[in-house]
Amino acid sequence: MANWEAGELANLSDARGVPARPSAGRRRFEFPQAGSARGFTLIELMTVMTLIVVLATMGMVQYRRSIQFAKESVLKEDLFRMRDAIDQYYADKNQYPSTLESLVTDGYLREIPRDPFTESRTSWEAVPAEPDPNNPAAQAGVYDVKSGSDQTALDGTRYSDW
């Protein structure tokens, strides 16, 4: 009894003999025919997959850019702090520190920061100070510090030039 039609319902009755009446909201049940099944076509699926891939690619590019921007911010902050410590050392002792490690041993820095691009604490390039004309025998010391990375920043400059 796959099909319920009005004529078949009229012949049916319940256990008490009351004839069954079709309700206004009932519909006829039909099995789907072969080849008429509803679904998505291959073109529709490919279109959706292409859109998902394009959006994921755009998200990955933005994610990588934000990671590089964060590393650049850390590098700028580290360079500022180390240069400030060098200036404080010079103001206190009237000479530049002999190495970056002497900033740590004398208490101007807790530790040498890790360069975010080279992932090393030893890759910093120390820029030596000009020799003192009044005391040519004195050690020149570290005047400035730069990153040891050879990579290029988002603005096109090299990190080693900062």
C-alpha atoms as a PDB file:
ATOM      1  CA  MET A   1       0.000   0.000   0.000  1.00  0.00           C
ATOM      2  CA  ALA A   2       2.460   2.548  -1.172  1.00  0.00           C
ATOM      3  CA  ASN A   3      -0.096   4.915  -2.629  1.00  0.00           C
ATOM      4  CA  TRP A   4      -2.906   6.308  -0.588  1.00  0.00           C
ATOM      5  CA  GLU A   5      -5.618   7.512  -2.794  1.00  0.00           C
ATOM      6  CA  ALA A   6      -9.012   8.817  -1.877  1.00  0.00           C
ATOM      7  CA  GLY A   7     -10.719   5.742  -3.279  1.00  0.00           C
ATOM      8  CA  GLU A   8      -8.603   3.367  -1.234  1.00  0.00           C
ATOM      9  CA  LEU A   9      -9.147   5.389   1.930  1.00  0.00           C
ATOM     10  CA  ALA A  10     -12.904   5.195   1.492  1.00  0.00           C
ATOM     11  CA  ASN A  11     -12.775   1.410   1.599  1.00  0.00           C
ATOM     12  CA  LEU A  12     -10.721   1.329   4.795  1.00  0.00           C
ATOM     13  CA  SER A  13     -12.270   1.408   8.218  1.00  0.00           C
ATOM     14  CA  ASP A  14     -10.972   1.208  11.748  1.00  0.00           C
ATOM     15  CA  ALA A  15     -11.623  -1.625  14.212  1.00  0.00           C
ATOM     16  CA  ARG A  16     -15.082  -0.260  15.115  1.00  0.00           C
ATOM     17  CA  GLY A  17     -16.197  -0.152  11.516  1.00  0.00           C
ATOM     18  CA  VAL A  18     -16.002   3.636  11.191  1.00  0.00           C
ATOM     19  CA  PRO A  19     -14.807   4.461   7.694  1.00  0.00           C
ATOM     20  CA  ALA A  20     -11.499   6.314   7.489  1.00  0.00           C
ATOM     21  CA  ARG A  21     -11.692   9.803   6.111  1.00  0.00           C
ATOM     22  CA  PRO A  22      -8.825  11.523   4.411  1.00  0.00           C
ATOM     23  CA  SER A  23      -7.778  14.727   6.110  1.00  0.00           C
ATOM     24  CA  ALA A  24      -7.344  17.896   4.116  1.00  0.00           C
ATOM     25  CA  GLY A  25      -3.617  18.107   4.924  1.00  0.00           C
ATOM     26  CA  ARG A  26      -2.674  14.590   3.801  1.00  0.00           C
ATOM     27  CA  ARG A  27      -0.779  14.131   0.616  1.00  0.00           C
ATOM     28  CA  ARG A  28      -0.075  11.185  -1.478  1.00  0.00           C
ATOM     29  CA  PHE A  29       3.252   9.449  -0.765  1.00  0.00           C
ATOM     30  CA  GLU A  30       5.342   8.540  -3.765  1.00  0.00           C
ATOM     31  CA  PHE A  31       8.701   6.869  -4.064  1.00  0.00           C
ATOM     32  CA  PRO A  32      11.230   8.816  -6.104  1.00  0.00           C
ATOM     33  CA  GLN A  33      11.774   7.625  -9.634  1.00  0.00           C
ATOM     34  CA  ALA A  34      15.237   6.555 -10.744  1.00  0.00           C
ATOM     35  CA  GLY A  35      17.125   9.509 -12.284  1.00  0.00           C
ATOM     36  CA  SER A  36      14.865  12.113 -10.720  1.00  0.00           C
ATOM     37  CA  ALA A  37      16.662  12.303  -7.344  1.00  0.00           C
ATOM     38  CA  ARG A  38      17.370  15.825  -6.207  1.00  0.00           C
ATOM     39  CA  GLY A  39      20.895  16.847  -5.176  1.00  0.00           C
ATOM     40  CA  PHE A  40      23.897  18.959  -6.103  1.00  0.00           C
ATOM     41  CA  THR A  41      25.514  18.849  -9.474  1.00  0.00           C
ATOM     42  CA  LEU A  42      29.246  18.506  -9.933  1.00  0.00           C
ATOM     43  CA  ILE A  43      29.447  22.103 -11.175  1.00  0.00           C
ATOM     44  CA  GLU A  44      27.754  23.397  -8.021  1.00  0.00           C
ATOM     45  CA  LEU A  45      30.108  21.410  -5.787  1.00  0.00           C
ATOM     46  CA  MET A  46      33.164  22.595  -7.704  1.00  0.00           C
ATOM     47  CA  THR A  47      32.014  26.220  -7.463  1.00  0.00           C
ATOM     48  CA  VAL A  48      31.580  25.983  -3.700  1.00  0.00           C
ATOM     49  CA  MET A  49      34.941  24.253  -3.269  1.00  0.00           C
ATOM     50  CA  THR A  50      36.659  26.924  -5.391  1.00  0.00           C
ATOM     51  CA  LEU A  51      35.168  29.689  -3.253  1.00  0.00           C
ATOM     52  CA  ILE A  52      36.297  27.950  -0.072  1.00  0.00           C
ATOM     53  CA  VAL A  53      39.854  27.564  -1.403  1.00  0.00           C
ATOM     54  CA  VAL A  54      40.018  31.230  -2.469  1.00  0.00           C
ATOM     55  CA  LEU A  55      38.797  32.433   0.944  1.00  0.00           C
ATOM     56  CA  ALA A  56      41.208  30.126   2.790  1.00  0.00           C
ATOM     57  CA  THR A  57      44.114  31.380   0.669  1.00  0.00           C
ATOM     58  CA  MET A  58      43.243  34.984   1.409  1.00  0.00           C
ATOM     59  CA  GLY A  59      43.061  34.173   5.119  1.00  0.00           C
ATOM     60  CA  MET A  60      46.470  32.468   5.103  1.00  0.00           C
ATOM     61  CA  VAL A  61      48.116  35.431   3.365  1.00  0.00           C
ATOM     62  CA  GLN A  62      46.662  37.823   5.937  1.00  0.00           C
ATOM     63  CA  TYR A  63      47.740  35.518   8.772  1.00  0.00           C
ATOM     64  CA  ARG A  64      51.331  35.346   7.539  1.00  0.00           C
ATOM     65  CA  ARG A  65      51.445  39.109   7.086  1.00  0.00           C
ATOM     66  CA  SER A  66      50.209  39.661  10.631  1.00  0.00           C
ATOM     67  CA  ILE A  67      52.879  37.282  11.977  1.00  0.00           C
ATOM     68  CA  GLN A  68      55.601  39.215  10.142  1.00  0.00           C
ATOM     69  CA  PHE A  69      54.158  42.531  11.341  1.00  0.00           C
ATOM     70  CA  ALA A  70      54.244  41.260  14.948  1.00  0.00           C
ATOM     71  CA  LYS A  71      57.874  40.159  14.573  1.00  0.00           C
ATOM     72  CA  GLU A  72      58.776  43.580  13.165  1.00  0.00           C
ATOM     73  CA  SER A  73      57.135  45.253  16.157  1.00  0.00           C
ATOM     74  CA  VAL A  74      59.135  43.051  18.539  1.00  0.00           C
ATOM     75  CA  LEU A  75      62.355  43.864  16.667  1.00  0.00           C
ATOM     76  CA  LYS A  76      61.689  47.613  16.857  1.00  0.00           C
ATOM     77  CA  GLU A  77      60.995  47.381  20.579  1.00  0.00           C
ATOM     78  CA  ASP A  78      64.117  45.281  21.252  1.00  0.00           C
ATOM     79  CA  LEU A  79      66.332  47.680  19.290  1.00  0.00           C
ATOM     80  CA  PHE A  80      64.844  50.640  21.165  1.00  0.00           C
ATOM     81  CA  ARG A  81      65.461  48.998  24.566  1.00  0.00           C
ATOM     82  CA  MET A  82      69.032  47.969  23.764  1.00  0.00           C
ATOM     83  CA  ARG A  83      69.899  51.397  22.348  1.00  0.00           C
ATOM     84  CA  ASP A  84      68.379  53.028  25.409  1.00  0.00           C
ATOM     85  CA  ALA A  85      70.484  50.773  27.653  1.00  0.00           C
ATOM     86  CA  ILE A  86      73.628  51.706  25.677  1.00  0.00           C
ATOM     87  CA  ASP A  87      72.806  55.405  26.124  1.00  0.00           C
ATOM     88  CA  GLN A  88      72.222  54.949  29.866  1.00  0.00           C
ATOM     89  CA  TYR A  89      75.523  53.064  30.177  1.00  0.00           C
ATOM     90  CA  TYR A  90      77.343  55.890  28.398  1.00  0.00           C
ATOM     91  CA  ALA A  91      75.647  58.521  30.570  1.00  0.00           C
ATOM     92  CA  ASP A  92      76.622  56.698  33.768  1.00  0.00           C
ATOM     93  CA  LYS A  93      80.188  55.656  32.912  1.00  0.00           C
ATOM     94  CA  ASN A  94      81.167  58.154  30.191  1.00  0.00           C
ATOM     95  CA  GLN A  95      82.188  55.298  27.893  1.00  0.00           C
ATOM     96  CA  TYR A  96      80.376  52.799  25.721  1.00  0.00           C
ATOM     97  CA  PRO A  97      80.027  49.168  26.820  1.00  0.00           C
ATOM     98  CA  SER A  98      82.724  46.861  25.477  1.00  0.00           C
ATOM     99  CA  THR A  99      80.152  44.216  24.442  1.00  0.00           C
ATOM    100  CA  LEU A 100      76.417  43.739  24.571  1.00  0.00           C
ATOM    101  CA  GLU A 101      76.907  41.189  27.353  1.00  0.00           C
ATOM    102  CA  SER A 102      78.385  43.881  29.557  1.00  0.00           C
ATOM    103  CA  LEU A 103      74.975  45.566  29.514  1.00  0.00           C
ATOM    104  CA  VAL A 104      73.614  42.451  31.177  1.00  0.00           C
ATOM    105  CA  THR A 105      76.446  42.015  33.696  1.00  0.00           C
ATOM    106  CA  ASP A 106      76.236  45.667  34.764  1.00  0.00           C
ATOM    107  CA  GLY A 107      72.439  45.502  35.205  1.00  0.00           C
ATOM    108  CA  TYR A 108      71.249  47.653  32.311  1.00  0.00           C
ATOM    109  CA  LEU A 109      69.431  44.708  30.690  1.00  0.00           C
ATOM    110  CA  ARG A 110      68.122  41.491  32.236  1.00  0.00           C
ATOM    111  CA  GLU A 111      69.219  39.514  29.206  1.00  0.00           C
ATOM    112  CA  ILE A 112      70.084  40.052  25.579  1.00  0.00           C
ATOM    113  CA  PRO A 113      66.776  39.704  23.715  1.00  0.00           C
ATOM    114  CA  ARG A 114      66.279  37.083  21.042  1.00  0.00           C
ATOM    115  CA  ASP A 115      66.220  38.465  17.490  1.00  0.00           C
ATOM    116  CA  PRO A 116      62.738  37.524  16.206  1.00  0.00           C
ATOM    117  CA  PHE A 117      63.960  36.847  12.660  1.00  0.00           C
ATOM    118  CA  THR A 118      67.170  34.922  13.311  1.00  0.00           C
ATOM    119  CA  GLU A 119      65.783  33.253  16.476  1.00  0.00           C
ATOM    120  CA  SER A 120      69.142  33.817  18.190  1.00  0.00           C
ATOM    121  CA  ARG A 121      70.534  35.989  20.969  1.00  0.00           C
ATOM    122  CA  THR A 122      74.019  36.012  19.443  1.00  0.00           C
ATOM    123  CA  SER A 123      73.167  37.287  15.955  1.00  0.00           C
ATOM    124  CA  TRP A 124      72.995  40.985  16.915  1.00  0.00           C
ATOM    125  CA  GLU A 125      75.511  43.146  15.063  1.00  0.00           C
ATOM    126  CA  ALA A 126      77.286  45.552  17.370  1.00  0.00           C
ATOM    127  CA  VAL A 127      78.309  48.844  15.725  1.00  0.00           C
ATOM    128  CA  PRO A 128      81.603  50.043  17.252  1.00  0.00           C
ATOM    129  CA  ALA A 129      81.935  53.602  18.459  1.00  0.00           C
ATOM    130  CA  GLU A 130      84.394  56.066  16.963  1.00  0.00           C
ATOM    131  CA  PRO A 131      87.715  56.111  18.842  1.00  0.00           C
ATOM    132  CA  ASP A 132      88.001  58.888  21.408  1.00  0.00           C
ATOM    133  CA  PRO A 133      90.448  61.505  20.046  1.00  0.00           C
ATOM    134  CA  ASN A 134      91.350  62.543  23.615  1.00  0.00           C
ATOM    135  CA  ASN A 135      92.138  58.967  24.625  1.00  0.00           C
ATOM    136  CA  PRO A 136      93.140  56.917  21.553  1.00  0.00           C
ATOM    137  CA  ALA A 137      94.237  53.943  23.704  1.00  0.00           C
ATOM    138  CA  ALA A 138      90.746  53.483  25.163  1.00  0.00           C
ATOM    139  CA  GLN A 139      88.554  50.700  23.844  1.00  0.00           C
ATOM    140  CA  ALA A 140      85.907  52.031  21.438  1.00  0.00           C
ATOM    141  CA  GLY A 141      82.974  49.961  22.738  1.00  0.00           C
ATOM    142  CA  VAL A 142      79.501  49.361  21.291  1.00  0.00           C
ATOM    143  CA  TYR A 143      77.863  52.514  19.938  1.00  0.00           C
ATOM    144  CA  ASP A 144      74.778  50.945  18.313  1.00  0.00           C
ATOM    145  CA  VAL A 145      73.181  47.576  17.669  1.00  0.00           C
ATOM    146  CA  LYS A 146      71.465  46.179  14.560  1.00  0.00           C
ATOM    147  CA  SER A 147      69.680  42.993  13.631  1.00  0.00           C
ATOM    148  CA  GLY A 148      71.716  40.190  12.120  1.00  0.00           C
ATOM    149  CA  SER A 149      68.904  39.226   9.759  1.00  0.00           C
ATOM    150  CA  ASP A 150      69.334  39.554   6.001  1.00  0.00           C
ATOM    151  CA  GLN A 151      65.584  39.541   5.352  1.00  0.00           C
ATOM    152  CA  THR A 152      63.529  42.421   3.969  1.00  0.00           C
ATOM    153  CA  ALA A 153      60.774  44.155   5.908  1.00  0.00           C
ATOM    154  CA  LEU A 154      57.207  44.762   4.756  1.00  0.00           C
ATOM    155  CA  ASP A 155      58.145  48.354   3.869  1.00  0.00           C
ATOM    156  CA  GLY A 156      61.021  47.181   1.633  1.00  0.00           C
ATOM    157  CA  THR A 157      63.932  48.046   3.932  1.00  0.00           C
ATOM    158  CA  ARG A 158      66.350  45.488   5.328  1.00  0.00           C
ATOM    159  CA  TYR A 159      66.142  44.607   9.011  1.00  0.00           C
ATOM    160  CA  SER A 160      69.893  45.030   9.326  1.00  0.00           C
ATOM    161  CA  ASP A 161      69.470  48.722   8.366  1.00  0.00           C
ATOM    162  CA  TRP A 162      67.075  49.540  11.195  1.00  0.00           C
END
